[in-house]
Amino acid sequence: MTNHDVELLAIGAGPANLALAVALEELGADGLAERSLVIERGPTVEWQRGLLLPWTKSQVAFAKDLVTLRNPRSKFTFLNYLRSVGRLDDFINMGSFTPYRVEVSGYLQWVSESLRKVQLRLGCDCTSVEPVRDSAGSLTGWLTRLADGSTISSRYLVIGAGRDPYIPPELSHLPADRLIHSTRYRSRVAELDKDQHYRVAVIGAAQSAAEMFRATQHDLPNSDVSWVMRSIGLRAYDTNKFTNELYYPSYIDKFFEALPEGKKQILQEMHLTNYSGVESDLLQELYTSLYLDRLSGVERRRLVPMTDITGARTDGDDIVLELTDRKTGAVDELRRDLVFLGTGFVREMPRLIRGLGAAIGLDRIEVNRQYRLELGEPSDAACYLQGVNEATHGIADSLLSVLGNRAADIAQDILGHRSVKRVNGVHRPIAEHLSTAEHPSTAERPSGADRRTAVPVPADGAVPA
């Protein structure tokens, strides 16, 4: 038996791993919760900290919290959080299904502070993970290295740290203090002189770009802001009730079992429900605000649609963006002081997961229906991936909609894996930990639900999502 610092290590204290922590505490996980640790890079538990602005709202109904769809009677529900802070009556009176982002963030912090068995450690920046093998070469666990030089060993590993921010290659060489991705917006703007005149460019045409464009009106009120986008204009999310059914937890099985061409069509047609769009109320607010600018004769903000950024350089204190008009091909220059990126996230697997795959010696990244990384060998250890499996589990994988059910799937799979002992290289069941009566979803999975969907690793080591 290999000794580990903890039995289960979850990297990232975002909604995904907090939902897992709740599931471990509620499912009676045979002592596993007490031997589990969640680590978080930041000094606090926050949701979307870069754009945690007072007026921003979640696009997901409050009932799609960490636990309600799995266990509505849980003490960890969003409604119980509101009750505990004395705001339940006020929230109900608001008559809104979607809470403010700061409320969701407060809820996550409340959950993290309400955990009684699973440990949480803040300020732990994970730099790499490597497999641990015994003298026979069998994989027995994981060694997670932190930025401060310390390590944490574990038998089970759950990676839920999100994707890497996408920086367009044309801009990647610009100074980091002048090129600000949406994940850094709030912290970077807090360092600026609010009363100074800045020339600002906002890049992108979706929700994060729209929120930064809106926020600069208050955060940098004397600034000149140009919003550059490739699209012909701004489009609203498709949020009709028919397409929303594809975000049900029950739809994951249907997507996982779909043929490759079916998966491709679903992802393409669902793209505008979660990407490349803006929430409709914010669209109306932006248009009204720009109209009032025109009415007052003070137009310091403008949209620059159908425009590519084909180059960038620094010229003294200026950042010079080369803009190419997609309609005419005309090339122009835009001189700015700051560039805010609403460009989303890298679509390939995060750097941490790619590095782990290479360290294990995997030719490809494979996850099964229960989100377990396929290691290609019998193992006493297991690794699970959260929030990066859209290609295999559907477009809801990165959203709040499926958190509670996914957490139960992972927790139950870990319990099943724990009940198997490796004897002479062969894994044999030694105990039954799952309660199929209370949690039938995994036990009654159709036989095809264990099929894996492979994500090939190209020669350069990059793993596409």
Protein backbone atom coordinates (compact mmCIF):
# COMPACT_ATOMS: atom_id res chain seq x y z
CA MET A 1 0.00 0.00 0.00
CA THR A 2 1.39 3.38 -1.02
CA ASN A 3 1.22 6.16 1.55
CA HIS A 4 -0.18 9.46 0.25
CA ASP A 5 -0.48 12.92 1.78
CA VAL A 6 -4.18 12.80 0.84
CA GLU A 7 -6.31 10.19 -0.88
CA LEU A 8 -7.99 12.66 -3.24
CA LEU A 9 -6.59 15.97 -4.45
CA ALA A 10 -8.83 18.36 -6.42
CA ILE A 11 -7.02 21.18 -8.23
CA GLY A 12 -9.08 24.38 -8.40
CA ALA A 13 -11.75 25.61 -5.96
CA GLY A 14 -14.21 26.69 -8.62
CA PRO A 15 -17.80 25.48 -8.92
CA ALA A 16 -16.81 22.07 -10.34
CA ASN A 17 -14.59 20.94 -7.48
CA LEU A 18 -16.76 22.57 -4.82
CA ALA A 19 -19.68 20.54 -6.19
CA LEU A 20 -17.48 17.46 -5.90
CA ALA A 21 -16.58 18.34 -2.31
CA VAL A 22 -20.29 18.64 -1.48
CA ALA A 23 -21.00 15.28 -3.13
CA LEU A 24 -18.20 13.61 -1.16
CA GLU A 25 -19.61 14.96 2.11
CA GLU A 26 -23.20 14.01 1.29
CA LEU A 27 -22.77 10.58 -0.30
CA GLY A 28 -21.26 8.97 2.79
CA ALA A 29 -18.03 8.27 0.96
CA ASP A 30 -16.58 5.78 3.49
CA GLY A 31 -14.02 8.19 4.91
CA LEU A 32 -12.97 9.55 1.52
CA ALA A 33 -14.21 13.08 2.26
CA GLU A 34 -11.99 13.33 5.35
CA ARG A 35 -8.99 12.34 3.24
CA SER A 36 -9.72 14.81 0.43
CA LEU A 37 -8.14 18.20 -0.23
CA VAL A 38 -9.15 20.99 -2.61
CA ILE A 39 -6.43 23.50 -3.50
CA GLU A 40 -6.94 26.95 -5.02
CA ARG A 41 -4.38 29.26 -6.59
CA GLY A 42 -6.11 32.45 -5.48
CA PRO A 43 -6.20 33.93 -1.98
CA THR A 44 -9.99 33.59 -1.82
CA VAL A 45 -12.78 31.54 -3.38
CA GLU A 46 -14.38 33.70 -6.08
CA TRP A 47 -16.32 33.04 -9.26
CA GLN A 48 -15.12 34.69 -12.47
CA ARG A 49 -12.96 37.02 -10.41
CA GLY A 50 -11.73 38.98 -13.43
CA LEU A 51 -15.25 40.16 -14.30
CA LEU A 52 -16.83 40.06 -10.86
CA LEU A 53 -18.62 43.34 -11.47
CA PRO A 54 -21.58 44.47 -9.32
CA TRP A 55 -24.11 44.60 -12.15
CA THR A 56 -23.19 41.38 -14.00
CA LYS A 57 -25.61 38.47 -13.79
CA SER A 58 -25.34 34.73 -14.18
CA GLN A 59 -26.95 33.35 -17.33
CA VAL A 60 -27.98 30.21 -15.43
CA ALA A 61 -31.04 29.74 -13.22
CA PHE A 62 -30.40 29.78 -9.46
CA ALA A 63 -31.59 26.17 -9.10
CA LYS A 64 -28.65 25.03 -11.22
CA ASP A 65 -26.34 25.45 -8.28
CA LEU A 66 -23.81 22.95 -6.92
CA VAL A 67 -26.35 20.45 -5.65
CA THR A 68 -30.08 21.16 -6.18
CA LEU A 69 -30.58 19.05 -9.32
CA ARG A 70 -28.93 16.12 -7.53
CA ASN A 71 -30.31 16.66 -4.02
CA PRO A 72 -32.87 19.46 -3.57
CA ARG A 73 -32.92 18.80 0.20
CA SER A 74 -29.22 19.54 0.60
CA LYS A 75 -28.06 22.17 3.08
CA PHE A 76 -25.67 23.41 0.36
CA THR A 77 -28.33 24.84 -1.99
CA PHE A 78 -28.26 28.43 -3.23
CA LEU A 79 -31.61 29.09 -1.54
CA ASN A 80 -30.23 27.92 1.79
CA TYR A 81 -27.29 30.26 1.29
CA LEU A 82 -29.71 33.17 0.77
CA ARG A 83 -31.61 32.15 3.89
CA SER A 84 -28.39 31.98 5.93
CA VAL A 85 -27.41 35.53 4.94
CA GLY A 86 -30.93 36.94 5.42
CA ARG A 87 -31.64 37.68 1.78
CA LEU A 88 -34.11 34.99 0.76
CA ASP A 89 -37.23 37.20 0.92
CA ASP A 90 -35.50 39.95 -1.06
CA PHE A 91 -34.32 37.55 -3.76
CA ILE A 92 -37.80 36.06 -4.16
CA ASN A 93 -39.27 39.55 -4.35
CA MET A 94 -36.83 40.40 -7.16
CA GLY A 95 -38.68 37.87 -9.31
CA SER A 96 -35.56 36.78 -11.21
CA PHE A 97 -34.35 33.26 -11.95
CA THR A 98 -30.80 34.48 -12.55
CA PRO A 99 -28.79 35.81 -9.59
CA TYR A 100 -26.12 38.46 -9.78
CA ARG A 101 -22.61 37.17 -10.29
CA VAL A 102 -21.48 38.54 -6.92
CA GLU A 103 -24.25 36.46 -5.30
CA VAL A 104 -23.03 33.30 -7.01
CA SER A 105 -19.49 34.11 -5.92
CA GLY A 106 -20.68 34.70 -2.36
CA TYR A 107 -22.54 31.39 -2.50
CA LEU A 108 -19.38 29.54 -3.54
CA GLN A 109 -17.41 31.11 -0.71
CA TRP A 110 -20.19 30.19 1.74
CA VAL A 111 -20.10 26.58 0.52
CA SER A 112 -16.32 26.44 0.90
CA GLU A 113 -16.63 27.70 4.48
CA SER A 114 -19.48 25.26 5.23
CA LEU A 115 -17.54 22.11 4.35
CA ARG A 116 -16.93 20.00 7.45
CA LYS A 117 -14.93 17.06 6.09
CA VAL A 118 -13.19 18.03 2.85
CA GLN A 119 -10.22 20.33 3.42
CA LEU A 120 -9.62 23.53 1.43
CA ARG A 121 -6.22 25.19 1.05
CA LEU A 122 -5.87 28.61 -0.60
CA GLY A 123 -2.82 30.18 -2.23
CA CYS A 124 -1.62 26.90 -3.75
CA ASP A 125 -0.50 27.46 -7.34
CA CYS A 126 -0.12 24.11 -9.11
CA THR A 127 2.72 24.05 -11.66
CA SER A 128 2.75 20.40 -12.74
CA VAL A 129 1.51 16.89 -11.99
CA GLU A 130 3.46 13.70 -12.57
CA PRO A 131 2.63 10.01 -12.12
CA VAL A 132 4.05 7.99 -9.23
CA ARG A 133 5.00 4.35 -9.90
CA ASP A 134 6.04 1.52 -7.61
CA SER A 135 9.10 -0.68 -8.05
CA ALA A 136 7.21 -2.84 -10.55
CA GLY A 137 6.35 0.18 -12.68
CA SER A 138 2.66 0.20 -11.77
CA LEU A 139 0.98 3.59 -11.42
CA THR A 140 0.03 4.11 -7.78
CA GLY A 141 -0.67 7.83 -7.50
CA TRP A 142 0.15 11.40 -8.42
CA LEU A 143 2.67 13.97 -7.28
CA THR A 144 1.45 17.55 -7.62
CA ARG A 145 4.10 20.27 -7.54
CA LEU A 146 3.29 23.76 -6.30
CA ALA A 147 4.90 27.08 -7.14
CA ASP A 148 6.42 27.37 -3.65
CA GLY A 149 8.39 24.16 -4.19
CA SER A 150 6.21 21.92 -2.03
CA THR A 151 4.46 18.78 -3.27
CA ILE A 152 1.23 16.90 -2.52
CA SER A 153 0.89 13.18 -3.21
CA SER A 154 -2.50 11.58 -3.80
CA ARG A 155 -4.12 8.41 -5.07
CA TYR A 156 -6.92 10.22 -6.86
CA LEU A 157 -6.62 13.45 -8.79
CA VAL A 158 -9.42 15.70 -10.07
CA ILE A 159 -8.41 18.59 -12.32
CA GLY A 160 -10.97 21.38 -12.43
CA ALA A 161 -8.83 24.48 -12.88
CA GLY A 162 -10.45 25.76 -16.07
CA ARG A 163 -8.98 26.44 -19.49
CA ASP A 164 -6.05 28.69 -20.38
CA PRO A 165 -6.87 32.27 -21.53
CA TYR A 166 -6.62 32.77 -25.30
CA ILE A 167 -4.24 35.50 -26.43
CA PRO A 168 -4.37 36.11 -30.22
CA PRO A 169 -0.91 35.42 -31.69
CA GLU A 170 -0.86 38.86 -33.35
CA LEU A 171 -0.95 40.41 -29.87
CA SER A 172 0.95 37.91 -27.71
CA HIS A 173 4.23 39.87 -27.81
CA LEU A 174 2.71 43.07 -26.40
CA PRO A 175 3.58 44.13 -22.82
CA ALA A 176 1.54 42.21 -20.23
CA ASP A 177 0.61 45.37 -18.31
CA ARG A 178 -0.97 46.84 -21.45
CA LEU A 179 -2.61 43.67 -22.80
CA ILE A 180 -5.32 42.60 -20.35
CA HIS A 181 -7.39 39.44 -20.77
CA SER A 182 -10.89 39.49 -19.26
CA THR A 183 -9.67 37.16 -16.50
CA ARG A 184 -7.47 40.05 -15.27
CA TYR A 185 -9.79 42.98 -15.98
CA ARG A 186 -10.90 43.82 -12.45
CA SER A 187 -7.47 43.55 -10.83
CA ARG A 188 -5.71 45.51 -13.58
CA VAL A 189 -8.27 48.33 -13.77
CA ALA A 190 -8.04 48.75 -9.99
CA GLU A 191 -4.39 49.78 -10.51
CA LEU A 192 -5.25 52.56 -12.98
CA ASP A 193 -6.01 56.22 -12.31
CA LYS A 194 -9.76 56.42 -12.89
CA ASP A 195 -9.67 60.11 -13.86
CA GLN A 196 -6.95 59.80 -16.48
CA HIS A 197 -7.68 59.79 -20.20
CA TYR A 198 -6.82 56.42 -21.74
CA ARG A 199 -7.15 55.24 -25.31
CA VAL A 200 -8.66 51.78 -24.99
CA ALA A 201 -9.33 48.94 -27.41
CA VAL A 202 -11.71 46.11 -26.54
CA ILE A 203 -11.28 42.99 -28.68
CA GLY A 204 -13.98 40.35 -29.22
CA ALA A 205 -17.72 40.20 -29.87
CA ALA A 206 -19.13 38.04 -27.08
CA GLN A 207 -20.24 38.44 -23.46
CA SER A 208 -16.87 39.15 -21.83
CA ALA A 209 -16.00 41.84 -24.38
CA ALA A 210 -19.45 43.40 -23.96
CA GLU A 211 -19.06 43.48 -20.19
CA MET A 212 -15.66 45.17 -20.39
CA PHE A 213 -16.96 47.73 -22.90
CA ARG A 214 -19.84 48.47 -20.55
CA ALA A 215 -17.55 48.57 -17.49
CA THR A 216 -15.11 51.09 -18.94
CA GLN A 217 -17.88 53.69 -18.92
CA HIS A 218 -17.73 53.64 -15.12
CA ASP A 219 -14.19 52.44 -14.45
CA LEU A 220 -12.43 54.73 -16.96
CA PRO A 221 -15.06 57.42 -17.66
CA ASN A 222 -12.74 59.87 -19.43
CA SER A 223 -11.37 57.33 -21.87
CA ASP A 224 -11.78 56.86 -25.61
CA VAL A 225 -12.89 53.27 -26.25
CA SER A 226 -12.92 51.41 -29.59
CA TRP A 227 -14.56 47.99 -29.66
CA VAL A 228 -13.01 45.92 -32.46
CA MET A 229 -14.70 42.73 -33.68
CA ARG A 230 -14.59 40.42 -36.69
CA SER A 231 -18.36 39.89 -36.78
CA ILE A 232 -20.84 42.16 -38.55
CA GLY A 233 -22.21 43.24 -35.19
CA LEU A 234 -23.47 41.97 -31.86
CA ARG A 235 -25.81 39.02 -31.55
CA ALA A 236 -27.93 37.81 -28.66
CA TYR A 237 -27.58 34.36 -27.15
CA ASP A 238 -30.12 31.82 -28.35
CA THR A 239 -31.88 31.04 -25.07
CA ASN A 240 -35.16 29.49 -26.19
CA LYS A 241 -36.57 26.67 -24.09
CA PHE A 242 -36.12 24.03 -26.79
CA THR A 243 -32.37 24.45 -27.11
CA ASN A 244 -32.07 24.82 -23.34
CA GLU A 245 -33.12 21.17 -23.03
CA LEU A 246 -29.71 20.27 -24.42
CA TYR A 247 -28.25 21.61 -21.16
CA TYR A 248 -30.11 19.04 -19.06
CA PRO A 249 -27.83 16.64 -17.16
CA SER A 250 -29.84 13.82 -18.75
CA TYR A 251 -28.69 14.95 -22.20
CA ILE A 252 -25.07 14.03 -21.43
CA ASP A 253 -25.74 10.34 -22.09
CA LYS A 254 -27.39 11.14 -25.44
CA PHE A 255 -24.46 13.27 -26.51
CA PHE A 256 -21.85 10.79 -25.32
CA GLU A 257 -23.52 7.99 -27.29
CA ALA A 258 -23.94 10.06 -30.46
CA LEU A 259 -21.95 9.28 -33.59
CA PRO A 260 -19.03 11.63 -34.37
CA GLU A 261 -21.00 13.43 -37.08
CA GLY A 262 -23.91 13.84 -34.68
CA LYS A 263 -21.68 15.34 -32.01
CA LYS A 264 -20.22 17.73 -34.57
CA GLN A 265 -23.67 18.95 -35.66
CA ILE A 266 -24.87 19.41 -32.08
CA LEU A 267 -21.82 21.44 -31.09
CA GLN A 268 -22.05 23.59 -34.21
CA GLU A 269 -25.74 24.34 -33.80
CA MET A 270 -25.42 24.96 -30.05
CA HIS A 271 -22.49 27.37 -30.46
CA LEU A 272 -24.61 30.53 -30.32
CA THR A 273 -26.34 29.37 -27.14
CA ASN A 274 -23.11 29.80 -25.16
CA TYR A 275 -20.46 31.41 -27.38
CA SER A 276 -20.24 34.37 -29.76
CA GLY A 277 -23.29 35.99 -28.22
CA VAL A 278 -24.30 38.61 -25.67
CA GLU A 279 -27.07 38.50 -23.07
CA SER A 280 -30.12 40.31 -24.48
CA ASP A 281 -30.62 42.76 -21.59
CA LEU A 282 -26.99 43.86 -21.84
CA LEU A 283 -27.38 44.37 -25.59
CA GLN A 284 -30.31 46.70 -24.99
CA GLU A 285 -28.38 48.58 -22.31
CA LEU A 286 -25.36 49.02 -24.58
CA TYR A 287 -27.42 50.30 -27.48
CA THR A 288 -29.28 52.76 -25.25
CA SER A 289 -26.02 54.01 -23.79
CA LEU A 290 -24.45 54.57 -27.21
CA TYR A 291 -27.62 56.34 -28.39
CA LEU A 292 -27.46 58.70 -25.41
CA ASP A 293 -23.81 59.40 -26.26
CA ARG A 294 -24.87 60.48 -29.75
CA LEU A 295 -27.72 62.51 -28.30
CA SER A 296 -25.33 64.41 -26.02
CA GLY A 297 -22.80 64.95 -28.79
CA VAL A 298 -20.02 63.27 -26.77
CA GLU A 299 -19.01 60.10 -28.60
CA ARG A 300 -15.97 58.60 -26.94
CA ARG A 301 -17.03 55.01 -27.55
CA ARG A 302 -17.48 53.32 -30.89
CA LEU A 303 -17.90 49.89 -32.45
CA VAL A 304 -15.52 48.77 -35.20
CA PRO A 305 -17.17 45.69 -36.78
CA MET A 306 -15.96 43.39 -39.56
CA THR A 307 -12.34 44.18 -38.75
CA ASP A 308 -9.33 41.90 -38.34
CA ILE A 309 -6.32 42.73 -36.24
CA THR A 310 -3.55 41.74 -38.64
CA GLY A 311 -0.60 43.10 -36.71
CA ALA A 312 0.52 44.98 -33.62
CA ARG A 313 3.62 46.79 -32.44
CA THR A 314 4.78 49.25 -29.82
CA ASP A 315 5.83 52.75 -30.84
CA GLY A 316 7.14 54.66 -27.86
CA ASP A 317 4.32 54.68 -25.32
CA ASP A 318 1.74 53.68 -27.93
CA ILE A 319 0.40 50.28 -28.85
CA VAL A 320 -0.28 50.38 -32.58
CA LEU A 321 -2.89 47.93 -33.87
CA GLU A 322 -3.02 47.19 -37.59
CA LEU A 323 -6.69 46.89 -38.59
CA THR A 324 -7.86 45.34 -41.84
CA ASP A 325 -11.43 46.01 -42.98
CA ARG A 326 -13.04 42.68 -43.95
CA LYS A 327 -15.41 44.43 -46.36
CA THR A 328 -12.91 46.47 -48.37
CA GLY A 329 -9.49 45.11 -47.47
CA ALA A 330 -8.38 48.61 -46.43
CA VAL A 331 -5.65 48.72 -43.78
CA ASP A 332 -5.58 51.32 -41.01
CA GLU A 333 -3.81 51.89 -37.69
CA LEU A 334 -5.29 52.38 -34.25
CA ARG A 335 -3.09 53.81 -31.49
CA ARG A 336 -4.05 52.73 -27.97
CA ASP A 337 -2.77 52.80 -24.40
CA LEU A 338 -4.59 49.65 -23.24
CA VAL A 339 -5.98 46.58 -24.99
CA PHE A 340 -8.68 44.51 -23.24
CA LEU A 341 -9.18 40.99 -24.59
CA GLY A 342 -12.61 39.38 -24.58
CA THR A 343 -11.21 36.51 -26.62
CA GLY A 344 -12.22 33.57 -24.46
CA PHE A 345 -10.09 30.55 -23.78
CA VAL A 346 -7.79 28.15 -25.61
CA ARG A 347 -9.86 25.31 -27.06
CA GLU A 348 -7.19 22.64 -26.68
CA MET A 349 -6.68 20.88 -23.38
CA PRO A 350 -5.13 23.07 -20.66
CA ARG A 351 -1.36 23.10 -20.33
CA LEU A 352 -1.50 21.21 -17.02
CA ILE A 353 -3.44 18.31 -18.56
CA ARG A 354 -1.22 18.18 -21.65
CA GLY A 355 1.83 18.00 -19.43
CA LEU A 356 0.31 15.21 -17.35
CA GLY A 357 -0.58 13.23 -20.47
CA ALA A 358 2.99 13.51 -21.71
CA ALA A 359 4.39 12.46 -18.31
CA ILE A 360 2.18 9.35 -18.27
CA GLY A 361 3.22 8.54 -21.83
CA LEU A 362 -0.24 8.75 -23.37
CA ASP A 363 -0.56 9.03 -27.13
CA ARG A 364 -4.01 10.51 -26.73
CA ILE A 365 -6.28 11.90 -24.05
CA GLU A 366 -9.31 9.65 -23.45
CA VAL A 367 -12.05 10.11 -20.88
CA ASN A 368 -14.85 7.67 -20.21
CA ARG A 369 -18.46 8.55 -19.42
CA GLN A 370 -17.55 9.05 -15.76
CA TYR A 371 -14.89 11.65 -16.72
CA ARG A 372 -12.01 9.32 -15.80
CA LEU A 373 -8.80 9.67 -17.77
CA GLU A 374 -8.03 6.38 -19.49
CA LEU A 375 -4.50 5.38 -18.54
CA GLY A 376 -4.17 2.34 -20.81
CA GLU A 377 -3.03 0.12 -17.92
CA PRO A 378 -4.36 -1.33 -14.66
CA SER A 379 -3.79 1.20 -11.91
CA ASP A 380 -4.41 1.80 -8.24
CA ALA A 381 -4.72 5.51 -9.09
CA ALA A 382 -7.20 7.48 -11.18
CA CYS A 383 -7.49 10.99 -12.61
CA TYR A 384 -10.66 12.87 -13.55
CA LEU A 385 -11.10 15.93 -15.77
CA GLN A 386 -13.81 18.53 -15.13
CA GLY A 387 -15.02 21.30 -17.41
CA VAL A 388 -12.88 20.46 -20.47
CA ASN A 389 -14.90 17.64 -22.02
CA GLU A 390 -17.24 19.45 -24.41
CA ALA A 391 -16.08 17.24 -27.28
CA THR A 392 -17.23 14.10 -25.48
CA HIS A 393 -19.87 15.22 -22.98
CA GLY A 394 -21.49 18.20 -24.71
CA ILE A 395 -21.55 21.96 -24.59
CA ALA A 396 -22.83 22.09 -20.99
CA ASP A 397 -19.62 20.55 -19.67
CA SER A 398 -18.03 23.91 -18.87
CA LEU A 399 -21.19 25.38 -17.31
CA LEU A 400 -22.99 25.32 -13.96
CA SER A 401 -25.91 23.34 -15.42
CA VAL A 402 -24.49 19.84 -14.86
CA LEU A 403 -22.28 20.33 -11.79
CA GLY A 404 -24.24 18.39 -9.19
CA ASN A 405 -24.87 15.34 -11.33
CA ARG A 406 -21.33 15.27 -12.69
CA ALA A 407 -19.93 15.48 -9.17
CA ALA A 408 -22.01 12.45 -8.19
CA ASP A 409 -20.80 10.55 -11.27
CA ILE A 410 -17.17 11.20 -10.33
CA ALA A 411 -17.64 10.48 -6.62
CA GLN A 412 -19.42 7.21 -7.35
CA ASP A 413 -16.77 6.17 -9.86
CA ILE A 414 -14.02 6.83 -7.30
CA LEU A 415 -15.87 4.73 -4.73
CA GLY A 416 -16.18 1.94 -7.26
CA HIS A 417 -12.49 2.19 -8.11
CA ARG A 418 -11.59 2.09 -4.40
CA SER A 419 -13.51 -1.18 -4.07
CA VAL A 420 -11.19 -2.93 -6.52
CA LYS A 421 -7.86 -4.43 -5.46
CA ARG A 422 -5.04 -5.11 -7.87
CA VAL A 423 -3.74 -8.70 -7.57
CA ASN A 424 -0.80 -9.68 -9.79
CA GLY A 425 -1.60 -6.81 -12.13
CA VAL A 426 -5.29 -7.72 -12.39
CA HIS A 427 -8.01 -5.60 -10.75
CA ARG A 428 -10.66 -7.58 -8.86
CA PRO A 429 -13.72 -6.25 -6.98
CA ILE A 430 -13.48 -6.58 -3.19
CA ALA A 431 -16.42 -4.47 -2.00
CA GLU A 432 -19.53 -2.73 -3.19
CA HIS A 433 -19.78 0.96 -2.17
CA LEU A 434 -22.45 2.29 -4.50
CA SER A 435 -26.10 2.58 -3.48
CA THR A 436 -28.01 1.95 -6.71
CA ALA A 437 -31.34 2.60 -5.02
CA GLU A 438 -30.47 6.17 -4.05
CA HIS A 439 -28.22 7.00 -7.00
CA PRO A 440 -29.33 4.88 -9.99
CA SER A 441 -27.94 7.11 -12.74
CA THR A 442 -24.48 5.50 -12.88
CA ALA A 443 -25.45 1.94 -12.00
CA GLU A 444 -28.20 1.83 -14.62
CA ARG A 445 -26.06 3.38 -17.34
CA PRO A 446 -26.66 1.70 -20.73
CA SER A 447 -23.95 -0.79 -21.65
CA GLY A 448 -22.56 1.53 -24.32
CA ALA A 449 -21.99 4.32 -21.82
CA ASP A 450 -18.47 3.11 -21.08
CA ARG A 451 -17.38 3.74 -24.65
CA ARG A 452 -14.53 6.21 -24.77
CA THR A 453 -14.16 9.10 -27.15
CA ALA A 454 -10.53 9.69 -28.00
CA VAL A 455 -8.89 13.06 -28.38
CA PRO A 456 -5.72 12.50 -30.45
CA VAL A 457 -2.46 14.12 -29.43
CA PRO A 458 -0.69 15.65 -32.47
CA ALA A 459 3.05 15.51 -32.89
CA ASP A 460 3.60 18.86 -31.18
CA GLY A 461 1.96 17.58 -28.01
CA ALA A 462 -1.04 19.92 -28.19
CA VAL A 463 -4.31 18.22 -27.33
CA PRO A 464 -7.38 19.64 -29.10
CA ALA A 465 -10.54 19.96 -27.05
